[in-house]
């Protein structure tokens, strides 16, 4: 099943989160401003997490939010 199918079917937030954390890990490279990277590292550190864990946590949170239909 794909993420879009989960969203369209009205799957519960917890089930979407489970789908998002399951599977193999893959490397990802992104280009962002240094100030954004340093700020994100500081925010992650304040939460006791590393930058990668912080980014994953925020992505999962955003992608698992209930969607309003337009």
PDB file of N, CA and C in Angstrom:
ATOM      1  N   UNK A   1       0.843  -1.172   0.000  1.00  0.00           N
ATOM      2  CA  UNK A   1       0.000   0.000   0.000  1.00  0.00           C
ATOM      3  C   UNK A   1       0.892   1.242   0.000  1.00  0.00           C
ATOM      4  N   UNK A   2       0.442   2.291  -0.679  1.00  0.00           N
ATOM      5  CA  UNK A   2       1.196   3.537  -0.753  1.00  0.00           C
ATOM      6  C   UNK A   2       0.631   4.548   0.240  1.00  0.00           C
ATOM      7  N   UNK A   3       1.468   5.532   0.579  1.00  0.00           N
ATOM      8  CA  UNK A   3       1.058   6.596   1.496  1.00  0.00           C
ATOM      9  C   UNK A   3      -0.214   7.281   1.017  1.00  0.00           C
ATOM     10  N   UNK A   4      -0.283   7.605  -0.261  1.00  0.00           N
ATOM     11  CA  UNK A   4      -1.461   8.295  -0.795  1.00  0.00           C
ATOM     12  C   UNK A   4      -2.732   7.477  -0.606  1.00  0.00           C
ATOM     13  N   UNK A   5      -2.626   6.155  -0.713  1.00  0.00           N
ATOM     14  CA  UNK A   5      -3.789   5.291  -0.511  1.00  0.00           C
ATOM     15  C   UNK A   5      -4.237   5.320   0.948  1.00  0.00           C
ATOM     16  N   UNK A   6      -3.276   5.364   1.871  1.00  0.00           N
ATOM     17  CA  UNK A   6      -3.615   5.447   3.292  1.00  0.00           C
ATOM     18  C   UNK A   6      -4.375   6.736   3.594  1.00  0.00           C
ATOM     19  N   UNK A   7      -3.880   7.833   3.059  1.00  0.00           N
ATOM     20  CA  UNK A   7      -4.508   9.130   3.302  1.00  0.00           C
ATOM     21  C   UNK A   7      -5.914   9.164   2.711  1.00  0.00           C
ATOM     22  N   UNK A   8      -6.052   8.699   1.491  1.00  0.00           N
ATOM     23  CA  UNK A   8      -7.353   8.730   0.813  1.00  0.00           C
ATOM     24  C   UNK A   8      -8.378   7.812   1.475  1.00  0.00           C
ATOM     25  N   UNK A   9      -7.914   6.731   2.107  1.00  0.00           N
ATOM     26  CA  UNK A   9      -8.846   5.784   2.723  1.00  0.00           C
ATOM     27  C   UNK A   9      -9.254   6.189   4.131  1.00  0.00           C
ATOM     28  N   UNK A  10      -8.672   7.276   4.656  1.00  0.00           N
ATOM     29  CA  UNK A  10      -9.039   7.740   5.997  1.00  0.00           C
ATOM     30  C   UNK A  10      -8.456   6.890   7.109  1.00  0.00           C
ATOM     31  N   UNK A  11      -7.302   6.296   6.888  1.00  0.00           N
ATOM     32  CA  UNK A  11      -6.646   5.463   7.878  1.00  0.00           C
ATOM     33  C   UNK A  11      -6.312   6.277   9.120  1.00  0.00           C
ATOM     34  N   UNK A  12      -6.363   5.624  10.293  1.00  0.00           N
ATOM     35  CA  UNK A  12      -6.069   6.302  11.559  1.00  0.00           C
ATOM     36  C   UNK A  12      -4.624   6.807  11.583  1.00  0.00           C
ATOM     37  N   UNK A  13      -4.426   7.908  12.328  1.00  0.00           N
ATOM     38  CA  UNK A  13      -3.108   8.542  12.426  1.00  0.00           C
ATOM     39  C   UNK A  13      -2.040   7.550  12.902  1.00  0.00           C
ATOM     40  N   UNK A  14      -2.372   6.736  13.897  1.00  0.00           N
ATOM     41  CA  UNK A  14      -1.391   5.779  14.424  1.00  0.00           C
ATOM     42  C   UNK A  14      -0.988   4.741  13.370  1.00  0.00           C
ATOM     43  N   UNK A  15      -1.919   4.356  12.515  1.00  0.00           N
ATOM     44  CA  UNK A  15      -1.596   3.385  11.465  1.00  0.00           C
ATOM     45  C   UNK A  15      -0.723   4.015  10.386  1.00  0.00           C
ATOM     46  N   UNK A  16      -0.956   5.284  10.082  1.00  0.00           N
ATOM     47  CA  UNK A  16      -0.113   5.988   9.121  1.00  0.00           C
ATOM     48  C   UNK A  16       1.301   6.108   9.681  1.00  0.00           C
ATOM     49  N   UNK A  17       1.420   6.459  10.965  1.00  0.00           N
ATOM     50  CA  UNK A  17       2.736   6.560  11.599  1.00  0.00           C
ATOM     51  C   UNK A  17       3.467   5.225  11.531  1.00  0.00           C
ATOM     52  N   UNK A  18       2.760   4.149  11.807  1.00  0.00           N
ATOM     53  CA  UNK A  18       3.363   2.818  11.742  1.00  0.00           C
ATOM     54  C   UNK A  18       3.875   2.515  10.341  1.00  0.00           C
ATOM     55  N   UNK A  19       3.093   2.859   9.338  1.00  0.00           N
ATOM     56  CA  UNK A  19       3.509   2.669   7.943  1.00  0.00           C
ATOM     57  C   UNK A  19       4.774   3.461   7.638  1.00  0.00           C
ATOM     58  N   UNK A  20       4.838   4.707   8.118  1.00  0.00           N
ATOM     59  CA  UNK A  20       5.958   5.589   7.797  1.00  0.00           C
ATOM     60  C   UNK A  20       7.275   5.136   8.426  1.00  0.00           C
ATOM     61  N   UNK A  21       7.236   4.500   9.589  1.00  0.00           N
ATOM     62  CA  UNK A  21       8.482   4.085  10.245  1.00  0.00           C
ATOM     63  C   UNK A  21       8.914   2.688   9.841  1.00  0.00           C
ATOM     64  N   UNK A  22       8.034   1.955   9.149  1.00  0.00           N
ATOM     65  CA  UNK A  22       8.364   0.604   8.729  1.00  0.00           C
ATOM     66  C   UNK A  22       9.188   0.649   7.440  1.00  0.00           C
ATOM     67  N   UNK A  23       9.994  -0.346   7.222  1.00  0.00           N
ATOM     68  CA  UNK A  23      10.753  -0.433   5.975  1.00  0.00           C
ATOM     69  C   UNK A  23      12.232  -0.169   6.170  1.00  0.00           C
ATOM     70  N   UNK A  24      12.941  -0.309   5.096  1.00  0.00           N
ATOM     71  CA  UNK A  24      14.396  -0.113   5.114  1.00  0.00           C
ATOM     72  C   UNK A  24      14.737   1.371   5.177  1.00  0.00           C
ATOM     73  N   UNK A  25      15.906   1.665   5.728  1.00  0.00           N
ATOM     74  CA  UNK A  25      16.388   3.040   5.731  1.00  0.00           C
ATOM     75  C   UNK A  25      17.201   3.286   4.460  1.00  0.00           C
ATOM     76  N   UNK A  26      17.153   4.508   3.984  1.00  0.00           N
ATOM     77  CA  UNK A  26      17.906   4.903   2.793  1.00  0.00           C
ATOM     78  C   UNK A  26      18.577   6.243   3.074  1.00  0.00           C
ATOM     79  N   UNK A  27      19.737   6.473   2.488  1.00  0.00           N
ATOM     80  CA  UNK A  27      20.387   7.770   2.667  1.00  0.00           C
ATOM     81  C   UNK A  27      19.662   8.846   1.865  1.00  0.00           C
ATOM     82  N   UNK A  28      19.706  10.075   2.367  1.00  0.00           N
ATOM     83  CA  UNK A  28      19.071  11.188   1.676  1.00  0.00           C
ATOM     84  C   UNK A  28      19.966  12.414   1.834  1.00  0.00           C
ATOM     85  N   UNK A  29      20.169  13.112   0.753  1.00  0.00           N
ATOM     86  CA  UNK A  29      20.967  14.331   0.782  1.00  0.00           C
ATOM     87  C   UNK A  29      20.075  15.495   0.396  1.00  0.00           C
ATOM     88  N   UNK A  30      20.079  16.534   1.224  1.00  0.00           N
ATOM     89  CA  UNK A  30      19.335  17.750   0.897  1.00  0.00           C
ATOM     90  C   UNK A  30      20.257  18.955   1.077  1.00  0.00           C
ATOM     91  N   UNK A  31      19.952  19.997   0.352  1.00  0.00           N
ATOM     92  CA  UNK A  31      20.730  21.221   0.466  1.00  0.00           C
ATOM     93  C   UNK A  31      19.850  22.263   1.141  1.00  0.00           C
ATOM     94  N   UNK A  32      20.302  22.745   2.305  1.00  0.00           N
ATOM     95  CA  UNK A  32      19.563  23.754   3.051  1.00  0.00           C
ATOM     96  C   UNK A  32      20.546  24.824   3.512  1.00  0.00           C
ATOM     97  N   UNK A  33      20.054  26.012   3.817  1.00  0.00           N
ATOM     98  CA  UNK A  33      20.944  27.053   4.324  1.00  0.00           C
ATOM     99  C   UNK A  33      21.600  26.620   5.642  1.00  0.00           C
ATOM    100  N   UNK A  34      22.825  27.021   5.844  1.00  0.00           N
ATOM    101  CA  UNK A  34      23.569  26.671   7.049  1.00  0.00           C
ATOM    102  C   UNK A  34      22.836  27.124   8.307  1.00  0.00           C
ATOM    103  N   UNK A  35      22.240  28.316   8.279  1.00  0.00           N
ATOM    104  CA  UNK A  35      21.522  28.804   9.464  1.00  0.00           C
ATOM    105  C   UNK A  35      20.361  27.885   9.826  1.00  0.00           C
ATOM    106  N   UNK A  36      19.659  27.355   8.823  1.00  0.00           N
ATOM    107  CA  UNK A  36      18.558  26.429   9.074  1.00  0.00           C
ATOM    108  C   UNK A  36      19.086  25.142   9.684  1.00  0.00           C
ATOM    109  N   UNK A  37      20.171  24.630   9.139  1.00  0.00           N
ATOM    110  CA  UNK A  37      20.772  23.392   9.666  1.00  0.00           C
ATOM    111  C   UNK A  37      21.218  23.571  11.111  1.00  0.00           C
ATOM    112  N   UNK A  38      21.902  24.661  11.397  1.00  0.00           N
ATOM    113  CA  UNK A  38      22.386  24.901  12.753  1.00  0.00           C
ATOM    114  C   UNK A  38      21.228  25.092  13.734  1.00  0.00           C
ATOM    115  N   UNK A  39      20.183  25.779  13.295  1.00  0.00           N
ATOM    116  CA  UNK A  39      19.008  25.981  14.142  1.00  0.00           C
ATOM    117  C   UNK A  39      18.299  24.653  14.415  1.00  0.00           C
ATOM    118  N   UNK A  40      18.192  23.809  13.389  1.00  0.00           N
ATOM    119  CA  UNK A  40      17.561  22.501  13.555  1.00  0.00           C
ATOM    120  C   UNK A  40      18.394  21.617  14.487  1.00  0.00           C
ATOM    121  N   UNK A  41      19.706  21.675  14.364  1.00  0.00           N
ATOM    122  CA  UNK A  41      20.570  20.913  15.265  1.00  0.00           C
ATOM    123  C   UNK A  41      20.373  21.362  16.705  1.00  0.00           C
ATOM    124  N   UNK A  42      20.261  22.679  16.921  1.00  0.00           N
ATOM    125  CA  UNK A  42      20.048  23.208  18.272  1.00  0.00           C
ATOM    126  C   UNK A  42      18.690  22.773  18.816  1.00  0.00           C
ATOM    127  N   UNK A  43      17.655  22.831  17.976  1.00  0.00           N
ATOM    128  CA  UNK A  43      16.317  22.408  18.397  1.00  0.00           C
ATOM    129  C   UNK A  43      16.319  20.923  18.751  1.00  0.00           C
ATOM    130  N   UNK A  44      16.996  20.124  17.950  1.00  0.00           N
ATOM    131  CA  UNK A  44      17.092  18.686  18.220  1.00  0.00           C
ATOM    132  C   UNK A  44      17.817  18.431  19.532  1.00  0.00           C
ATOM    133  N   UNK A  45      18.890  19.142  19.745  1.00  0.00           N
ATOM    134  CA  UNK A  45      19.669  18.980  20.966  1.00  0.00           C
ATOM    135  C   UNK A  45      18.849  19.330  22.204  1.00  0.00           C
ATOM    136  N   UNK A  46      18.041  20.376  22.111  1.00  0.00           N
ATOM    137  CA  UNK A  46      17.180  20.767  23.235  1.00  0.00           C
ATOM    138  C   UNK A  46      16.176  19.670  23.572  1.00  0.00           C
ATOM    139  N   UNK A  47      15.855  18.839  22.605  1.00  0.00           N
ATOM    140  CA  UNK A  47      14.916  17.726  22.813  1.00  0.00           C
ATOM    141  C   UNK A  47      15.645  16.409  23.102  1.00  0.00           C
ATOM    142  N   UNK A  48      16.967  16.481  23.187  1.00  0.00           N
ATOM    143  CA  UNK A  48      17.752  15.283  23.473  1.00  0.00           C
ATOM    144  C   UNK A  48      17.846  14.332  22.296  1.00  0.00           C
ATOM    145  N   UNK A  49      17.771  14.862  21.083  1.00  0.00           N
ATOM    146  CA  UNK A  49      17.809  14.041  19.878  1.00  0.00           C
ATOM    147  C   UNK A  49      18.903  14.536  18.945  1.00  0.00           C
ATOM    148  N   UNK A  50      19.278  13.686  18.016  1.00  0.00           N
ATOM    149  CA  UNK A  50      20.184  14.080  16.958  1.00  0.00           C
ATOM    150  C   UNK A  50      19.392  14.720  15.829  1.00  0.00           C
ATOM    151  N   UNK A  51      20.085  15.353  14.906  1.00  0.00           N
ATOM    152  CA  UNK A  51      19.431  16.033  13.797  1.00  0.00           C
ATOM    153  C   UNK A  51      18.603  15.069  12.948  1.00  0.00           C
ATOM    154  N   UNK A  52      19.146  13.917  12.612  1.00  0.00           N
ATOM    155  CA  UNK A  52      18.404  12.954  11.783  1.00  0.00           C
ATOM    156  C   UNK A  52      17.122  12.496  12.465  1.00  0.00           C
ATOM    157  N   UNK A  53      17.193  12.182  13.752  1.00  0.00           N
ATOM    158  CA  UNK A  53      16.000  11.757  14.488  1.00  0.00           C
ATOM    159  C   UNK A  53      14.976  12.879  14.554  1.00  0.00           C
ATOM    160  N   UNK A  54      15.445  14.097  14.739  1.00  0.00           N
ATOM    161  CA  UNK A  54      14.550  15.255  14.793  1.00  0.00           C
ATOM    162  C   UNK A  54      13.832  15.444  13.456  1.00  0.00           C
ATOM    163  N   UNK A  55      14.570  15.349  12.367  1.00  0.00           N
ATOM    164  CA  UNK A  55      13.970  15.514  11.036  1.00  0.00           C
ATOM    165  C   UNK A  55      12.955  14.400  10.783  1.00  0.00           C
ATOM    166  N   UNK A  56      13.312  13.157  11.098  1.00  0.00           N
ATOM    167  CA  UNK A  56      12.367  12.045  10.925  1.00  0.00           C
ATOM    168  C   UNK A  56      11.106  12.260  11.752  1.00  0.00           C
ATOM    169  N   UNK A  57      11.278  12.669  13.004  1.00  0.00           N
ATOM    170  CA  UNK A  57      10.151  12.895  13.896  1.00  0.00           C
ATOM    171  C   UNK A  57       9.211  13.962  13.327  1.00  0.00           C
ATOM    172  N   UNK A  58       9.777  15.057  12.827  1.00  0.00           N
ATOM    173  CA  UNK A  58       8.957  16.138  12.279  1.00  0.00           C
ATOM    174  C   UNK A  58       8.262  15.706  10.980  1.00  0.00           C
ATOM    175  N   UNK A  59       8.964  14.945  10.155  1.00  0.00           N
ATOM    176  CA  UNK A  59       8.356  14.461   8.908  1.00  0.00           C
ATOM    177  C   UNK A  59       7.199  13.516   9.205  1.00  0.00           C
ATOM    178  N   UNK A  60       7.401  12.591  10.132  1.00  0.00           N
ATOM    179  CA  UNK A  60       6.345  11.650  10.494  1.00  0.00           C
ATOM    180  C   UNK A  60       5.157  12.402  11.075  1.00  0.00           C
ATOM    181  N   UNK A  61       5.426  13.380  11.930  1.00  0.00           N
ATOM    182  CA  UNK A  61       4.345  14.184  12.507  1.00  0.00           C
ATOM    183  C   UNK A  61       3.540  14.909  11.443  1.00  0.00           C
ATOM    184  N   UNK A  62       4.218  15.480  10.487  1.00  0.00           N
ATOM    185  CA  UNK A  62       3.534  16.218   9.419  1.00  0.00           C
ATOM    186  C   UNK A  62       2.759  15.280   8.496  1.00  0.00           C
ATOM    187  N   UNK A  63       3.366  14.166   8.132  1.00  0.00           N
ATOM    188  CA  UNK A  63       2.739  13.248   7.185  1.00  0.00           C
ATOM    189  C   UNK A  63       1.603  12.419   7.790  1.00  0.00           C
ATOM    190  N   UNK A  64       1.546  12.326   9.114  1.00  0.00           N
ATOM    191  CA  UNK A  64       0.495  11.526   9.738  1.00  0.00           C
ATOM    192  C   UNK A  64      -0.673  12.362  10.268  1.00  0.00           C
ATOM    193  N   UNK A  65      -0.602  13.685  10.130  1.00  0.00           N
ATOM    194  CA  UNK A  65      -1.711  14.539  10.550  1.00  0.00           C
ATOM    195  C   UNK A  65      -2.941  14.254   9.715  1.00  0.00           C
ATOM    196  N   UNK A  66      -4.101  14.288  10.351  1.00  0.00           N
ATOM    197  CA  UNK A  66      -5.338  14.130   9.559  1.00  0.00           C
ATOM    198  C   UNK A  66      -5.428  15.235   8.510  1.00  0.00           C
ATOM    199  N   UNK A  67      -5.886  14.882   7.338  1.00  0.00           N
ATOM    200  CA  UNK A  67      -5.993  15.822   6.233  1.00  0.00           C
ATOM    201  C   UNK A  67      -7.411  16.318   6.076  1.00  0.00           C
ATOM    202  N   UNK A  68      -7.548  17.601   5.783  1.00  0.00           N
ATOM    203  CA  UNK A  68      -8.859  18.149   5.464  1.00  0.00           C
ATOM    204  C   UNK A  68      -9.038  18.064   3.952  1.00  0.00           C
ATOM    205  N   UNK A  69     -10.172  17.636   3.538  1.00  0.00           N
ATOM    206  CA  UNK A  69     -10.448  17.557   2.095  1.00  0.00           C
ATOM    207  C   UNK A  69     -10.804  18.934   1.577  1.00  0.00           C
ATOM    208  N   UNK A  70     -10.294  19.290   0.393  1.00  0.00           N
ATOM    209  CA  UNK A  70     -10.617  20.596  -0.189  1.00  0.00           C
ATOM    210  C   UNK A  70     -11.743  20.527  -1.173  1.00  0.00           C
TER     211      UNK A  70
END
